[in-house]
Amino acid sequence: MRRAAVAVAAGAMAVSLAACGSAKESGDNADSTGSAKKGDDIKVGLLLPENATARYEKFDRVLIEKKVKELTDNKGEVVYANAKQDASTQNQQVDTMVTNKVDVLIVDAVDSKAIAGSVKKAKDAGIPVVAYDRLAEGPIDAYTSFDNVTVGKTQGEALLKALGDKAKDGQIVMMNGSSTDPNAAQFKQGAHSVLDGKVKVGREYDTKEWKPENANSNMEGAISALGKDKIVGVYSANDGMAGGIITALKAAGIADIPVTGQDAELAGVQRIVTGEQYMSVYKPYPQEADVAAEMAVALAQGKSLDSIAKDKVDSPTTKAIPSVLVPVVSLTKDNIKDTVIKDGIYTVNEICAGKYKAACDKIGLK
């Protein structure tokens, strides 16, 4: 994936996000890619890729719906569909929303390439499209996500820190995400940029559909091929797969090796508390969701994105897409309070429920 030659520093992004006022504060001139001017009575189509990962239903959907209501004086409607990890289903969902004449689409693609034709259908029908979290191909009007290469670098740096001197002699397993997800390629790119030359990669997998059970099977194969005494750590691209990996490690009698993650899922945070998982990448969903809603409302109302999107990125099919990339944080047991608890993602009681209380007490999470 080609990216625009811009460096998105966290400080600069903070300024960019601070500049993201409501869509009503955007420029009054209609954007050439937007639809005709409309008021607050708009219909926003929201298409999310799957429901196995907790974030989509618990955070993304809820946050986007809330922000659209806020930006439109409760007059805007969000029409929601989840593809349940099926690209064909998602294409059909786009067709349905085009038929139902939504004013704008927010699409988190199951398959970035397979969605391109449907994006074009929407565009031909005068419906602008915001690519959310994954950079879909086709004539996209706007894009918001996290800096995915930085996510991979953050994971790789954390893994090296956890390995210490063991990085010189042992081997790691790399469990990347799905090959159909452009984000997975960027996570992998970022991780390799940090890990290559510092630690030997004994086995590496692109995990079909990001499924924990597939990661579990891959990990079992890696243990069989390398030997359980040769593996010193695991790069896992997200928390769901980390769960499957850790199950395979436990079954093989492997303990106390660092495993990375991403998404700060509740189960992942709880594994970090107990020490089974070393880290996750916390991605501030409220910021990403708010930006997507602001972009969508502005486009539906025919307004400029200039006050919202300060940067540009290129996809394989579209150049200079107005974009906002949100910074991320390495989440370990040392900063749980300052991240997911402070931002209201989870409460201490949620994280420390039941069997996790003793581990929480041990690290001072009360």
Protein backbone atom coordinates (compact mmCIF):
# COMPACT_ATOMS: atom_id res chain seq x y z
CA MET A 1 0.00 0.00 0.00
CA ARG A 2 1.42 3.38 -0.94
CA ARG A 3 1.25 6.05 1.67
CA ALA A 4 1.55 9.79 1.27
CA ALA A 5 4.90 11.22 2.22
CA VAL A 6 3.73 12.66 5.51
CA ALA A 7 4.98 11.91 8.98
CA VAL A 8 2.16 11.79 11.48
CA ALA A 9 3.65 12.60 14.85
CA ALA A 10 1.56 12.09 17.93
CA GLY A 11 1.83 15.76 18.82
CA ALA A 12 0.75 16.88 15.40
CA MET A 13 -2.11 14.42 15.47
CA ALA A 14 -3.24 15.74 18.81
CA VAL A 15 -3.48 19.17 17.20
CA SER A 16 -5.34 17.66 14.27
CA LEU A 17 -7.81 15.93 16.54
CA ALA A 18 -8.29 19.07 18.57
CA ALA A 19 -9.21 20.82 15.35
CA CYS A 20 -11.92 18.29 14.64
CA GLY A 21 -14.96 20.34 15.51
CA SER A 22 -18.46 19.24 14.72
CA ALA A 23 -19.40 18.79 11.12
CA LYS A 24 -21.55 21.90 11.50
CA GLU A 25 -18.31 23.87 11.95
CA SER A 26 -16.85 22.59 8.68
CA GLY A 27 -16.69 24.87 5.67
CA ASP A 28 -19.95 25.93 4.11
CA ASN A 29 -18.88 25.20 0.55
CA ALA A 30 -19.94 21.88 -0.85
CA ASP A 31 -17.07 19.47 -1.35
CA SER A 32 -16.69 18.13 -4.89
CA THR A 33 -16.80 14.56 -3.57
CA GLY A 34 -19.78 15.09 -1.30
CA SER A 35 -23.47 14.82 -1.92
CA ALA A 36 -25.81 17.79 -2.32
CA LYS A 37 -26.24 19.93 0.75
CA LYS A 38 -28.58 18.48 3.34
CA GLY A 39 -29.57 19.37 6.86
CA ASP A 40 -29.39 17.24 9.98
CA ASP A 41 -31.98 14.73 8.76
CA ILE A 42 -29.45 12.36 7.22
CA LYS A 43 -29.06 8.60 6.96
CA VAL A 44 -25.59 7.14 7.63
CA GLY A 45 -24.88 3.56 6.57
CA LEU A 46 -22.41 1.81 8.90
CA LEU A 47 -20.86 -1.46 7.77
CA LEU A 48 -18.56 -3.28 10.20
CA PRO A 49 -16.61 -6.42 9.27
CA GLU A 50 -17.23 -8.95 12.03
CA ASN A 51 -18.53 -9.52 15.53
CA ALA A 52 -16.02 -12.02 16.91
CA THR A 53 -13.70 -9.21 17.95
CA ALA A 54 -15.31 -7.45 20.90
CA ARG A 55 -14.48 -3.90 19.82
CA TYR A 56 -16.88 -3.62 16.89
CA GLU A 57 -20.16 -4.14 18.71
CA LYS A 58 -19.06 -2.83 22.13
CA PHE A 59 -17.21 0.30 21.02
CA ASP A 60 -17.19 1.25 17.33
CA ARG A 61 -20.90 0.89 16.60
CA VAL A 62 -22.02 2.51 19.84
CA LEU A 63 -19.56 5.40 19.61
CA ILE A 64 -20.33 6.21 15.96
CA GLU A 65 -24.08 6.12 16.56
CA LYS A 66 -23.69 8.43 19.56
CA LYS A 67 -21.52 10.94 17.69
CA VAL A 68 -23.81 11.06 14.65
CA LYS A 69 -26.74 11.85 16.93
CA GLU A 70 -24.71 14.54 18.66
CA LEU A 71 -23.68 16.16 15.39
CA THR A 72 -27.20 16.20 13.96
CA ASP A 73 -29.30 17.28 16.95
CA ASN A 74 -30.57 13.69 17.24
CA LYS A 75 -32.05 13.85 13.72
CA GLY A 76 -29.45 11.72 11.97
CA GLU A 77 -30.05 7.97 11.61
CA VAL A 78 -27.41 5.23 11.53
CA VAL A 79 -28.35 2.14 9.54
CA TYR A 80 -26.12 -0.70 10.73
CA ALA A 81 -25.00 -4.03 9.27
CA ASN A 82 -22.29 -6.49 10.26
CA ALA A 83 -20.75 -8.79 7.65
CA LYS A 84 -19.61 -11.45 10.14
CA GLN A 85 -16.29 -11.82 8.30
CA ASP A 86 -17.90 -12.55 4.91
CA ALA A 87 -16.83 -10.29 2.03
CA SER A 88 -19.73 -11.35 -0.21
CA THR A 89 -22.21 -10.54 2.53
CA GLN A 90 -20.65 -7.11 2.95
CA ASN A 91 -20.92 -6.39 -0.78
CA GLN A 92 -24.61 -7.29 -0.60
CA GLN A 93 -25.01 -5.00 2.39
CA VAL A 94 -23.54 -2.11 0.41
CA ASP A 95 -25.96 -2.83 -2.43
CA THR A 96 -28.87 -2.79 0.01
CA MET A 97 -27.80 0.53 1.46
CA VAL A 98 -27.41 2.03 -2.00
CA THR A 99 -30.92 0.84 -2.83
CA ASN A 100 -32.21 2.34 0.41
CA LYS A 101 -30.53 5.64 -0.51
CA VAL A 102 -28.38 6.30 2.52
CA ASP A 103 -26.65 9.68 2.34
CA VAL A 104 -23.16 8.42 3.21
CA LEU A 105 -21.41 5.13 4.01
CA ILE A 106 -18.85 4.28 6.69
CA VAL A 107 -17.22 0.99 5.68
CA ASP A 108 -14.78 -1.17 7.60
CA ALA A 109 -13.97 -3.68 4.87
CA VAL A 110 -13.75 -7.43 5.40
CA ASP A 111 -11.61 -7.60 2.25
CA SER A 112 -10.11 -4.33 1.05
CA LYS A 113 -9.89 -5.45 -2.58
CA ALA A 114 -13.24 -7.26 -2.81
CA ILE A 115 -15.12 -4.18 -1.60
CA ALA A 116 -13.83 -1.92 -4.41
CA GLY A 117 -16.67 -2.66 -6.83
CA SER A 118 -19.29 -1.91 -4.20
CA VAL A 119 -17.53 1.33 -3.27
CA LYS A 120 -17.76 2.35 -6.93
CA LYS A 121 -21.48 1.49 -7.00
CA ALA A 122 -22.05 3.76 -4.04
CA LYS A 123 -19.99 6.52 -5.60
CA ASP A 124 -21.88 6.21 -8.90
CA ALA A 125 -25.11 6.59 -6.92
CA GLY A 126 -23.82 9.83 -5.41
CA ILE A 127 -23.10 8.30 -1.99
CA PRO A 128 -19.71 9.27 -0.51
CA VAL A 129 -17.76 6.58 1.32
CA VAL A 130 -15.60 6.85 4.45
CA ALA A 131 -13.11 4.00 4.87
CA TYR A 132 -13.02 3.17 8.56
CA ASP A 133 -10.13 1.42 10.30
CA ARG A 134 -9.08 -0.37 7.08
CA LEU A 135 -8.22 1.39 3.85
CA ALA A 136 -10.68 -0.05 1.35
CA GLU A 137 -9.94 0.16 -2.36
CA GLY A 138 -12.13 2.01 -4.83
CA PRO A 139 -13.08 5.71 -4.98
CA ILE A 140 -12.94 6.39 -1.23
CA ASP A 141 -13.72 9.96 -0.11
CA ALA A 142 -12.13 9.88 3.36
CA TYR A 143 -10.24 7.56 5.68
CA THR A 144 -9.58 7.30 9.39
CA SER A 145 -7.61 4.69 11.23
CA PHE A 146 -4.56 4.32 13.39
CA ASP A 147 -0.99 4.49 12.12
CA ASN A 148 -0.80 0.79 11.43
CA VAL A 149 2.94 0.62 10.74
CA THR A 150 3.48 2.30 14.10
CA VAL A 151 1.21 -0.31 15.71
CA GLY A 152 3.51 -3.07 14.43
CA LYS A 153 6.60 -1.17 15.56
CA THR A 154 5.07 -0.68 19.00
CA GLN A 155 4.42 -4.41 19.29
CA GLY A 156 7.89 -5.33 18.07
CA GLU A 157 9.62 -2.89 20.41
CA ALA A 158 7.64 -4.19 23.37
CA LEU A 159 8.50 -7.78 22.50
CA LEU A 160 12.22 -7.01 22.25
CA LYS A 161 12.10 -5.21 25.59
CA ALA A 162 10.42 -8.20 27.21
CA LEU A 163 12.89 -10.67 25.67
CA GLY A 164 16.02 -8.84 26.74
CA ASP A 165 19.10 -11.05 26.29
CA LYS A 166 16.94 -14.01 25.26
CA ALA A 167 16.45 -12.34 21.87
CA LYS A 168 20.04 -13.26 20.96
CA ASP A 169 19.70 -17.02 21.35
CA GLY A 170 16.06 -18.02 20.99
CA GLN A 171 13.38 -17.97 18.30
CA ILE A 172 10.04 -16.27 18.11
CA VAL A 173 6.85 -17.15 16.29
CA MET A 174 5.10 -14.41 14.33
CA MET A 175 1.31 -14.68 14.15
CA ASN A 176 0.19 -12.02 11.68
CA GLY A 177 -3.39 -11.17 10.76
CA SER A 178 -5.42 -12.08 7.71
CA SER A 179 -3.86 -11.64 4.28
CA THR A 180 -7.12 -10.01 3.09
CA ASP A 181 -6.76 -7.16 5.60
CA PRO A 182 -4.45 -4.33 4.46
CA ASN A 183 -3.90 -3.38 8.09
CA ALA A 184 -2.36 -6.79 8.77
CA ALA A 185 0.30 -6.17 6.12
CA GLN A 186 1.15 -2.84 7.74
CA PHE A 187 1.31 -4.33 11.24
CA LYS A 188 3.65 -6.97 9.86
CA GLN A 189 5.77 -4.36 8.08
CA GLY A 190 6.15 -2.33 11.26
CA ALA A 191 6.98 -5.36 13.39
CA HIS A 192 9.59 -6.66 10.96
CA SER A 193 11.23 -3.24 10.79
CA VAL A 194 11.97 -3.59 14.51
CA LEU A 195 12.49 -7.35 14.89
CA ASP A 196 14.57 -8.22 11.82
CA GLY A 197 18.21 -8.65 12.72
CA LYS A 198 17.44 -8.58 16.45
CA VAL A 199 15.74 -11.96 16.90
CA LYS A 200 15.30 -15.08 14.78
CA VAL A 201 11.81 -15.73 13.44
CA GLY A 202 11.39 -19.49 13.62
CA ARG A 203 7.91 -19.65 12.12
CA GLU A 204 5.59 -17.01 10.66
CA TYR A 205 1.93 -17.23 9.70
CA ASP A 206 -0.74 -15.10 8.05
CA THR A 207 -3.73 -16.20 10.10
CA LYS A 208 -6.88 -16.82 8.13
CA GLU A 209 -9.70 -14.47 9.10
CA TRP A 210 -7.85 -13.42 12.29
CA LYS A 211 -9.58 -16.34 14.04
CA PRO A 212 -8.24 -17.40 17.45
CA GLU A 213 -8.79 -21.05 16.58
CA ASN A 214 -6.62 -20.68 13.47
CA ALA A 215 -3.92 -18.98 15.52
CA ASN A 216 -4.16 -21.85 17.99
CA SER A 217 -3.64 -24.42 15.22
CA ASN A 218 -0.75 -22.44 13.76
CA MET A 219 0.89 -22.20 17.19
CA GLU A 220 0.55 -25.92 17.72
CA GLY A 221 2.32 -26.44 14.39
CA ALA A 222 5.09 -24.02 15.35
CA ILE A 223 5.67 -25.77 18.68
CA SER A 224 5.83 -29.13 16.93
CA ALA A 225 8.27 -27.84 14.30
CA LEU A 226 10.58 -25.81 16.55
CA GLY A 227 10.38 -27.60 19.87
CA LYS A 228 8.91 -26.07 22.98
CA ASP A 229 12.30 -25.25 24.49
CA LYS A 230 13.35 -23.15 21.49
CA ILE A 231 10.54 -20.58 21.53
CA VAL A 232 11.25 -17.48 23.62
CA GLY A 233 8.35 -15.26 22.58
CA VAL A 234 5.40 -14.78 20.26
CA TYR A 235 4.43 -11.79 18.16
CA SER A 236 0.64 -11.86 17.99
CA ALA A 237 -1.00 -9.17 15.88
CA ASN A 238 -4.10 -8.93 18.10
CA ASP A 239 -5.60 -10.01 21.41
CA GLY A 240 -8.06 -12.53 20.00
CA MET A 241 -5.26 -14.52 18.39
CA ALA A 242 -3.15 -14.10 21.53
CA GLY A 243 -5.85 -16.00 23.41
CA GLY A 244 -5.62 -18.94 21.00
CA ILE A 245 -1.82 -18.82 21.10
CA ILE A 246 -1.67 -18.82 24.89
CA THR A 247 -4.03 -21.81 25.01
CA ALA A 248 -1.62 -23.73 22.74
CA LEU A 249 1.38 -22.65 24.83
CA LYS A 250 -0.29 -23.84 28.04
CA ALA A 251 -1.21 -27.17 26.49
CA ALA A 252 2.45 -27.69 25.55
CA GLY A 253 3.66 -26.75 29.02
CA ILE A 254 5.20 -23.46 27.89
CA ALA A 255 4.91 -20.60 30.36
CA ASP A 256 6.47 -17.24 31.13
CA ILE A 257 7.22 -16.16 27.57
CA PRO A 258 6.04 -12.78 26.28
CA VAL A 259 3.08 -12.63 23.90
CA THR A 260 2.00 -9.39 22.27
CA GLY A 261 -1.49 -8.27 21.26
CA GLN A 262 -3.63 -5.43 20.01
CA ASP A 263 -7.09 -3.90 20.64
CA ALA A 264 -7.02 -3.91 24.46
CA GLU A 265 -9.90 -6.39 24.60
CA LEU A 266 -11.11 -7.10 28.11
CA ALA A 267 -9.82 -10.68 27.98
CA GLY A 268 -6.47 -9.38 26.74
CA VAL A 269 -6.22 -6.81 29.54
CA GLN A 270 -7.05 -9.52 32.06
CA ARG A 271 -4.32 -11.76 30.65
CA ILE A 272 -1.91 -8.83 30.98
CA VAL A 273 -2.94 -8.49 34.64
CA THR A 274 -2.18 -12.19 35.26
CA GLY A 275 1.06 -12.11 33.26
CA GLU A 276 -0.07 -14.58 30.59
CA GLN A 277 0.10 -11.85 27.93
CA TYR A 278 2.82 -9.22 28.00
CA MET A 279 1.18 -6.29 26.21
CA SER A 280 -1.54 -5.04 23.93
CA VAL A 281 -1.84 -1.98 21.76
CA TYR A 282 -4.48 0.39 23.05
CA LYS A 283 -6.17 2.20 20.19
CA PRO A 284 -8.36 5.06 21.41
CA TYR A 285 -11.60 4.04 19.70
CA PRO A 286 -13.52 7.13 20.84
CA GLN A 287 -11.19 9.36 18.81
CA GLU A 288 -11.34 7.16 15.71
CA ALA A 289 -15.14 6.79 15.91
CA ASP A 290 -15.68 10.51 16.45
CA VAL A 291 -13.56 11.37 13.41
CA ALA A 292 -15.42 8.85 11.23
CA ALA A 293 -18.77 10.31 12.30
CA GLU A 294 -17.58 13.87 11.66
CA MET A 295 -16.33 12.93 8.19
CA ALA A 296 -19.55 11.10 7.35
CA VAL A 297 -21.86 13.90 8.51
CA ALA A 298 -19.80 16.54 6.71
CA LEU A 299 -19.83 14.54 3.46
CA ALA A 300 -23.57 13.83 3.73
CA GLN A 301 -24.19 17.55 4.18
CA GLY A 302 -21.97 18.44 1.23
CA LYS A 303 -19.37 20.19 3.38
CA SER A 304 -15.60 20.34 3.14
CA LEU A 305 -13.35 18.02 5.13
CA ASP A 306 -10.59 20.61 5.35
CA SER A 307 -11.11 21.33 9.06
CA ILE A 308 -11.25 17.61 9.91
CA ALA A 309 -8.67 15.80 7.76
CA LYS A 310 -5.25 17.44 7.77
CA ASP A 311 -3.36 14.61 6.06
CA LYS A 312 -3.56 12.51 2.91
CA VAL A 313 -2.88 8.84 2.21
CA ASP A 314 -2.84 6.81 -1.00
CA SER A 315 -4.57 3.49 -1.55
CA PRO A 316 -3.68 1.19 -4.48
CA THR A 317 -6.59 2.74 -6.41
CA THR A 318 -7.05 6.28 -5.08
CA LYS A 319 -4.53 9.03 -4.38
CA ALA A 320 -4.50 11.75 -1.73
CA ILE A 321 -7.45 10.54 0.34
CA PRO A 322 -8.27 13.03 3.14
CA SER A 323 -7.25 11.19 6.29
CA VAL A 324 -6.85 11.26 10.05
CA LEU A 325 -4.48 8.77 11.68
CA VAL A 326 -4.92 8.44 15.43
CA PRO A 327 -1.88 7.67 17.66
CA VAL A 328 -1.68 4.46 19.72
CA VAL A 329 -0.31 3.42 23.12
CA SER A 330 1.61 0.35 24.27
CA LEU A 331 -0.53 -1.14 27.04
CA THR A 332 1.17 -3.12 29.81
CA LYS A 333 0.27 -3.84 33.42
CA ASP A 334 2.06 -0.60 34.35
CA ASN A 335 -0.31 1.79 32.56
CA ILE A 336 -3.75 0.14 32.67
CA LYS A 337 -5.02 2.89 34.98
CA ASP A 338 -3.76 5.66 32.69
CA THR A 339 -5.26 4.22 29.50
CA VAL A 340 -8.33 2.01 29.35
CA ILE A 341 -9.57 2.92 32.83
CA LYS A 342 -8.89 6.64 32.50
CA ASP A 343 -10.65 6.72 29.11
CA GLY A 344 -13.68 4.88 30.47
CA ILE A 345 -13.24 1.79 28.29
CA TYR A 346 -13.37 -0.51 31.33
CA THR A 347 -13.79 -0.10 35.06
CA VAL A 348 -11.49 -1.65 37.65
CA ASN A 349 -14.40 -3.89 38.70
CA GLU A 350 -14.79 -5.20 35.15
CA ILE A 351 -11.11 -6.00 34.79
CA CYS A 352 -10.65 -7.39 38.30
CA ALA A 353 -13.82 -9.45 38.53
CA GLY A 354 -13.74 -12.92 40.08
CA LYS A 355 -10.54 -14.87 39.61
CA TYR A 356 -8.63 -11.75 38.48
CA LYS A 357 -8.95 -9.90 41.79
CA ALA A 358 -5.85 -11.39 43.40
CA ALA A 359 -3.71 -10.60 40.36
CA CYS A 360 -5.09 -7.04 40.29
CA ASP A 361 -4.29 -6.60 43.98
CA LYS A 362 -0.75 -7.81 43.32
CA ILE A 363 -0.08 -5.08 40.75
CA GLY A 364 -1.94 -2.41 42.70
CA LEU A 365 -4.97 -2.20 40.44
CA LYS A 366 -7.76 -1.35 42.84
